[in-house]
Amino acid sequence: MRRMTLKAALFAAAVSLCFAPLAAQNTTIRIHAAAVLDGAGKTLRNATVVVQGSRITSIETGNAPDATYDLGARTIMPGLIDVHAHVGWHFDKDGRYAARPGTPAQEILYAAENAYVTLLAGFTTIQSPGQANDVELR
């Protein structure tokens, strides 16, 4: 009996994970800020960025009492682009460039960490030229 309950729970979890992307596509998020740089040279004051799923659908001006996130006096800007980043490179424990490659598993962990740190710095698009083990990281 216990084994069937565990199997049923695992099956239910797996099925619910299949529908998670669908739920995310239907979610609307409204992010309000004092200013929005629109990427075309304009600064919109007192603006709200509306995101449907993973796409920006509109930018509205004016107060937004229904904002999902209110960033107050902050500014929203488009993601930055770095056309020459080496996300696969890393430093060793002594702070020196680690020229010797590690295992593929170690290398992908370094690359994922570097990509994450780059994202936190505001870069949403990067190109990592010349890597021996180029892969898409999404």
C-alpha atoms as a PDB file:
ATOM      1  CA  MET A   1       0.000   0.000   0.000  1.00  0.00           C
ATOM      2  CA  ARG A   2       2.777   2.374   0.928  1.00  0.00           C
ATOM      3  CA  ARG A   3       4.575   1.675  -2.336  1.00  0.00           C
ATOM      4  CA  MET A   4       1.459   2.520  -4.369  1.00  0.00           C
ATOM      5  CA  THR A   5       1.045   5.788  -2.466  1.00  0.00           C
ATOM      6  CA  LEU A   6       4.645   6.762  -3.249  1.00  0.00           C
ATOM      7  CA  LYS A   7       4.196   5.880  -6.929  1.00  0.00           C
ATOM      8  CA  ALA A   8       0.974   7.878  -7.093  1.00  0.00           C
ATOM      9  CA  ALA A   9       2.632  10.872  -5.433  1.00  0.00           C
ATOM     10  CA  LEU A  10       5.594  10.736  -7.835  1.00  0.00           C
ATOM     11  CA  PHE A  11       3.256  10.445 -10.807  1.00  0.00           C
ATOM     12  CA  ALA A  12       1.189  13.422  -9.621  1.00  0.00           C
ATOM     13  CA  ALA A  13       4.360  15.489  -9.133  1.00  0.00           C
ATOM     14  CA  ALA A  14       5.617  14.602 -12.619  1.00  0.00           C
ATOM     15  CA  VAL A  15       2.293  15.506 -14.224  1.00  0.00           C
ATOM     16  CA  SER A  16       2.110  18.827 -12.367  1.00  0.00           C
ATOM     17  CA  LEU A  17       5.619  19.716 -13.588  1.00  0.00           C
ATOM     18  CA  CYS A  18       4.433  19.236 -17.168  1.00  0.00           C
ATOM     19  CA  PHE A  19       1.825  21.961 -16.694  1.00  0.00           C
ATOM     20  CA  ALA A  20       4.090  24.441 -14.855  1.00  0.00           C
ATOM     21  CA  PRO A  21       5.343  26.113 -18.083  1.00  0.00           C
ATOM     22  CA  LEU A  22       1.740  26.601 -19.217  1.00  0.00           C
ATOM     23  CA  ALA A  23       0.872  28.353 -15.972  1.00  0.00           C
ATOM     24  CA  ALA A  24       3.930  30.604 -16.296  1.00  0.00           C
ATOM     25  CA  GLN A  25       2.868  31.630 -19.816  1.00  0.00           C
ATOM     26  CA  ASN A  26      -0.452  32.928 -18.509  1.00  0.00           C
ATOM     27  CA  THR A  27       1.020  34.882 -15.598  1.00  0.00           C
ATOM     28  CA  THR A  28       1.015  38.668 -15.904  1.00  0.00           C
ATOM     29  CA  ILE A  29       3.572  40.623 -13.894  1.00  0.00           C
ATOM     30  CA  ARG A  30       3.473  44.412 -13.579  1.00  0.00           C
ATOM     31  CA  ILE A  31       6.725  46.115 -12.521  1.00  0.00           C
ATOM     32  CA  HIS A  32       6.439  49.804 -11.620  1.00  0.00           C
ATOM     33  CA  ALA A  33       9.394  52.200 -11.289  1.00  0.00           C
ATOM     34  CA  ALA A  34      10.134  55.907 -11.237  1.00  0.00           C
ATOM     35  CA  ALA A  35      11.784  55.626 -14.660  1.00  0.00           C
ATOM     36  CA  VAL A  36      12.068  53.137 -17.510  1.00  0.00           C
ATOM     37  CA  LEU A  37      14.776  53.372 -20.172  1.00  0.00           C
ATOM     38  CA  ASP A  38      12.977  52.051 -23.244  1.00  0.00           C
ATOM     39  CA  GLY A  39      16.053  50.997 -25.223  1.00  0.00           C
ATOM     40  CA  ALA A  40      15.259  53.457 -28.015  1.00  0.00           C
ATOM     41  CA  GLY A  41      16.617  56.576 -26.325  1.00  0.00           C
ATOM     42  CA  LYS A  42      13.575  57.615 -24.304  1.00  0.00           C
ATOM     43  CA  THR A  43      13.170  57.751 -20.548  1.00  0.00           C
ATOM     44  CA  LEU A  44       9.604  57.111 -19.438  1.00  0.00           C
ATOM     45  CA  ARG A  45       8.762  58.576 -16.026  1.00  0.00           C
ATOM     46  CA  ASN A  46       6.425  56.893 -13.533  1.00  0.00           C
ATOM     47  CA  ALA A  47       6.132  53.811 -15.753  1.00  0.00           C
ATOM     48  CA  THR A  48       5.054  50.186 -15.486  1.00  0.00           C
ATOM     49  CA  VAL A  49       6.500  47.313 -17.500  1.00  0.00           C
ATOM     50  CA  VAL A  50       3.883  44.621 -18.185  1.00  0.00           C
ATOM     51  CA  VAL A  51       5.263  41.099 -18.656  1.00  0.00           C
ATOM     52  CA  GLN A  52       3.078  38.249 -19.941  1.00  0.00           C
ATOM     53  CA  GLY A  53       4.809  34.899 -19.484  1.00  0.00           C
ATOM     54  CA  SER A  54       8.383  35.602 -20.591  1.00  0.00           C
ATOM     55  CA  ARG A  55       7.680  38.591 -22.887  1.00  0.00           C
ATOM     56  CA  ILE A  56       7.302  42.302 -22.271  1.00  0.00           C
ATOM     57  CA  THR A  57       3.903  43.117 -23.743  1.00  0.00           C
ATOM     58  CA  SER A  58       3.662  46.829 -22.945  1.00  0.00           C
ATOM     59  CA  ILE A  59       5.017  49.775 -21.024  1.00  0.00           C
ATOM     60  CA  GLU A  60       2.409  52.022 -19.426  1.00  0.00           C
ATOM     61  CA  THR A  61       2.868  55.427 -17.829  1.00  0.00           C
ATOM     62  CA  GLY A  62       1.066  56.734 -14.779  1.00  0.00           C
ATOM     63  CA  ASN A  63       0.430  55.370 -11.319  1.00  0.00           C
ATOM     64  CA  ALA A  64       0.101  51.609 -10.926  1.00  0.00           C
ATOM     65  CA  PRO A  65      -1.636  50.680  -7.684  1.00  0.00           C
ATOM     66  CA  ASP A  66      -1.996  47.101  -8.966  1.00  0.00           C
ATOM     67  CA  ALA A  67       1.748  46.604  -9.618  1.00  0.00           C
ATOM     68  CA  THR A  68       3.121  43.177  -8.760  1.00  0.00           C
ATOM     69  CA  TYR A  69       6.451  44.807  -7.895  1.00  0.00           C
ATOM     70  CA  ASP A  70       6.852  48.477  -7.014  1.00  0.00           C
ATOM     71  CA  LEU A  71      10.504  49.484  -7.330  1.00  0.00           C
ATOM     72  CA  GLY A  72       9.886  52.964  -5.954  1.00  0.00           C
ATOM     73  CA  ALA A  73      12.489  55.510  -7.087  1.00  0.00           C
ATOM     74  CA  ARG A  74      14.542  52.964  -9.040  1.00  0.00           C
ATOM     75  CA  THR A  75      15.072  52.824 -12.811  1.00  0.00           C
ATOM     76  CA  ILE A  76      14.388  49.836 -15.074  1.00  0.00           C
ATOM     77  CA  MET A  77      16.667  49.434 -18.067  1.00  0.00           C
ATOM     78  CA  PRO A  78      17.033  46.877 -20.854  1.00  0.00           C
ATOM     79  CA  GLY A  79      19.416  43.985 -20.327  1.00  0.00           C
ATOM     80  CA  LEU A  80      23.009  44.670 -21.324  1.00  0.00           C
ATOM     81  CA  ILE A  81      24.861  42.759 -24.061  1.00  0.00           C
ATOM     82  CA  ASP A  82      28.469  41.534 -23.728  1.00  0.00           C
ATOM     83  CA  VAL A  83      29.822  40.322 -27.065  1.00  0.00           C
ATOM     84  CA  HIS A  84      33.111  39.033 -25.667  1.00  0.00           C
ATOM     85  CA  ALA A  85      32.814  37.126 -22.395  1.00  0.00           C
ATOM     86  CA  HIS A  86      34.657  33.962 -21.413  1.00  0.00           C
ATOM     87  CA  VAL A  87      32.220  32.264 -19.079  1.00  0.00           C
ATOM     88  CA  GLY A  88      34.254  29.053 -19.138  1.00  0.00           C
ATOM     89  CA  TRP A  89      37.357  30.697 -17.701  1.00  0.00           C
ATOM     90  CA  HIS A  90      37.891  30.754 -13.964  1.00  0.00           C
ATOM     91  CA  PHE A  91      40.484  31.425 -11.295  1.00  0.00           C
ATOM     92  CA  ASP A  92      42.020  28.771  -9.066  1.00  0.00           C
ATOM     93  CA  LYS A  93      42.185  28.803  -5.278  1.00  0.00           C
ATOM     94  CA  ASP A  94      45.250  31.109  -5.443  1.00  0.00           C
ATOM     95  CA  GLY A  95      43.408  33.706  -7.537  1.00  0.00           C
ATOM     96  CA  ARG A  96      45.288  32.844 -10.726  1.00  0.00           C
ATOM     97  CA  TYR A  97      43.819  31.967 -14.100  1.00  0.00           C
ATOM     98  CA  ALA A  98      43.215  28.213 -14.120  1.00  0.00           C
ATOM     99  CA  ALA A  99      44.674  27.325 -17.529  1.00  0.00           C
ATOM    100  CA  ARG A 100      44.381  23.598 -16.944  1.00  0.00           C
ATOM    101  CA  PRO A 101      40.908  22.346 -17.747  1.00  0.00           C
ATOM    102  CA  GLY A 102      39.043  20.386 -15.146  1.00  0.00           C
ATOM    103  CA  THR A 103      36.565  17.637 -15.758  1.00  0.00           C
ATOM    104  CA  PRO A 104      33.610  18.474 -18.027  1.00  0.00           C
ATOM    105  CA  ALA A 105      31.373  18.495 -14.940  1.00  0.00           C
ATOM    106  CA  GLN A 106      33.641  21.017 -13.176  1.00  0.00           C
ATOM    107  CA  GLU A 107      33.895  23.187 -16.280  1.00  0.00           C
ATOM    108  CA  ILE A 108      30.129  23.424 -16.738  1.00  0.00           C
ATOM    109  CA  LEU A 109      29.710  24.363 -13.070  1.00  0.00           C
ATOM    110  CA  TYR A 110      32.234  27.197 -13.469  1.00  0.00           C
ATOM    111  CA  ALA A 111      30.502  28.330 -16.664  1.00  0.00           C
ATOM    112  CA  ALA A 112      27.072  28.255 -15.016  1.00  0.00           C
ATOM    113  CA  GLU A 113      28.367  30.231 -12.028  1.00  0.00           C
ATOM    114  CA  ASN A 114      30.018  32.824 -14.281  1.00  0.00           C
ATOM    115  CA  ALA A 115      26.871  33.120 -16.414  1.00  0.00           C
ATOM    116  CA  TYR A 116      24.788  33.650 -13.265  1.00  0.00           C
ATOM    117  CA  VAL A 117      27.128  36.345 -11.908  1.00  0.00           C
ATOM    118  CA  THR A 118      27.058  38.024 -15.327  1.00  0.00           C
ATOM    119  CA  LEU A 119      23.239  37.974 -15.266  1.00  0.00           C
ATOM    120  CA  LEU A 120      23.221  39.552 -11.798  1.00  0.00           C
ATOM    121  CA  ALA A 121      25.396  42.349 -13.224  1.00  0.00           C
ATOM    122  CA  GLY A 122      22.642  43.159 -15.742  1.00  0.00           C
ATOM    123  CA  PHE A 123      23.882  41.305 -18.816  1.00  0.00           C
ATOM    124  CA  THR A 124      21.072  39.244 -20.337  1.00  0.00           C
ATOM    125  CA  THR A 125      22.877  38.374 -23.585  1.00  0.00           C
ATOM    126  CA  ILE A 126      26.485  37.241 -23.868  1.00  0.00           C
ATOM    127  CA  GLN A 127      28.735  35.675 -26.459  1.00  0.00           C
ATOM    128  CA  SER A 128      31.612  33.519 -25.265  1.00  0.00           C
ATOM    129  CA  PRO A 129      33.924  33.163 -28.291  1.00  0.00           C
ATOM    130  CA  GLY A 130      36.637  30.587 -28.591  1.00  0.00           C
ATOM    131  CA  GLN A 131      35.527  28.172 -25.924  1.00  0.00           C
ATOM    132  CA  ALA A 132      36.568  24.612 -26.631  1.00  0.00           C
ATOM    133  CA  ASN A 133      33.298  23.371 -25.173  1.00  0.00           C
ATOM    134  CA  ASP A 134      30.696  25.900 -26.337  1.00  0.00           C
ATOM    135  CA  VAL A 135      27.134  25.048 -25.328  1.00  0.00           C
ATOM    136  CA  GLU A 136      23.956  27.075 -25.048  1.00  0.00           C
ATOM    137  CA  LEU A 137      23.134  28.032 -21.466  1.00  0.00           C
ATOM    138  CA  ARG A 138      19.533  29.066 -20.953  1.00  0.00           C
END
